[in-house]
Amino acid sequence: MRLLHRDLACQQAVELVTDYLEGALSRRDRRRFEAHLRGCPNCPAYLEQIRTTIQLAGAIEPDDLTPEARADLIGLYRRWRSE
């Protein structure tokens, strides 16, 4: 694995995206994360994709989903919880 900017690799950055967006990173980790973003050609795009996904998902109401989509999401969630 290639390490970038103070030993923060892309895989590590991806794992920190949610905490970053929620403001849950320590000051040190936030600085490392942002330093990685400045030097990485791919992670800033990934961060924006996650931001957009969160915005769009937050706008969905339960009644917006078809019964099939609701069942699929519930099944996915149950499989995830059982792992």
Protein backbone atom coordinates (compact mmCIF):
# COMPACT_ATOMS: atom_id res chain seq x y z
CA MET A 1 0.00 0.00 0.00
CA ARG A 2 1.40 3.38 -0.97
CA LEU A 3 1.32 5.82 1.92
CA LEU A 4 0.68 9.50 1.34
CA HIS A 5 1.03 12.61 3.47
CA ARG A 6 2.17 11.65 6.93
CA ASP A 7 1.42 7.96 6.47
CA LEU A 8 -2.30 8.35 5.74
CA ALA A 9 -3.18 6.03 2.86
CA CYS A 10 -6.22 6.26 0.62
CA GLN A 11 -7.79 3.20 2.25
CA GLN A 12 -7.40 4.82 5.66
CA ALA A 13 -8.84 8.08 4.32
CA VAL A 14 -11.89 6.26 2.94
CA GLU A 15 -12.46 4.70 6.36
CA LEU A 16 -12.39 8.17 7.96
CA VAL A 17 -14.78 9.95 5.56
CA THR A 18 -17.91 9.50 7.68
CA ASP A 19 -16.17 10.64 10.86
CA TYR A 20 -14.73 13.61 8.96
CA LEU A 21 -18.15 14.67 7.66
CA GLU A 22 -19.69 14.27 11.11
CA GLY A 23 -16.93 16.32 12.75
CA ALA A 24 -15.91 13.34 14.89
CA LEU A 25 -12.18 13.30 14.10
CA SER A 26 -9.62 14.61 16.54
CA ARG A 27 -7.88 17.80 15.47
CA ARG A 28 -4.76 15.80 14.62
CA ASP A 29 -6.65 13.26 12.52
CA ARG A 30 -8.62 15.99 10.77
CA ARG A 31 -5.36 17.75 9.81
CA ARG A 32 -3.90 14.48 8.51
CA PHE A 33 -7.08 13.75 6.57
CA GLU A 34 -7.16 17.22 5.00
CA ALA A 35 -3.44 17.03 4.16
CA HIS A 36 -4.11 13.76 2.39
CA LEU A 37 -6.99 15.33 0.45
CA ARG A 38 -4.74 18.15 -0.77
CA GLY A 39 -2.23 15.70 -2.19
CA CYS A 40 -4.48 12.93 -3.49
CA PRO A 41 -5.99 12.94 -6.97
CA ASN A 42 -8.89 10.61 -6.05
CA CYS A 43 -10.01 11.03 -2.46
CA PRO A 44 -11.51 14.54 -2.85
CA ALA A 45 -13.86 13.17 -5.52
CA TYR A 46 -14.81 10.28 -3.24
CA LEU A 47 -15.51 12.71 -0.39
CA GLU A 48 -17.83 14.75 -2.64
CA GLN A 49 -19.62 11.58 -3.77
CA ILE A 50 -20.30 10.63 -0.16
CA ARG A 51 -21.46 14.19 0.65
CA THR A 52 -23.88 14.07 -2.28
CA THR A 53 -25.12 10.61 -1.31
CA ILE A 54 -25.81 11.76 2.25
CA GLN A 55 -27.67 14.85 0.99
CA LEU A 56 -29.80 12.83 -1.42
CA ALA A 57 -30.49 10.02 1.03
CA GLY A 58 -31.49 12.52 3.68
CA ALA A 59 -34.15 13.87 1.35
CA ILE A 60 -35.85 10.48 0.90
CA GLU A 61 -38.97 9.86 2.93
CA PRO A 62 -40.19 6.32 3.66
CA ASP A 63 -43.25 6.92 1.50
CA ASP A 64 -40.96 7.78 -1.45
CA LEU A 65 -39.83 4.15 -1.65
CA THR A 66 -41.71 1.45 -3.48
CA PRO A 67 -42.65 -1.57 -1.35
CA GLU A 68 -40.01 -3.57 -3.25
CA ALA A 69 -37.28 -1.00 -2.59
CA ARG A 70 -38.26 -0.85 1.09
CA ALA A 71 -38.11 -4.69 1.33
CA ASP A 72 -34.72 -4.73 -0.42
CA LEU A 73 -33.29 -2.15 2.00
CA ILE A 74 -34.67 -3.97 5.04
CA GLY A 75 -33.20 -7.24 3.77
CA LEU A 76 -29.84 -5.61 3.13
CA TYR A 77 -29.83 -4.11 6.61
CA ARG A 78 -30.73 -7.45 8.24
CA ARG A 79 -27.97 -9.26 6.33
CA TRP A 80 -25.47 -6.59 7.36
CA ARG A 81 -26.52 -6.84 11.02
CA SER A 82 -26.20 -10.62 11.04
CA GLU A 83 -22.60 -10.60 9.77
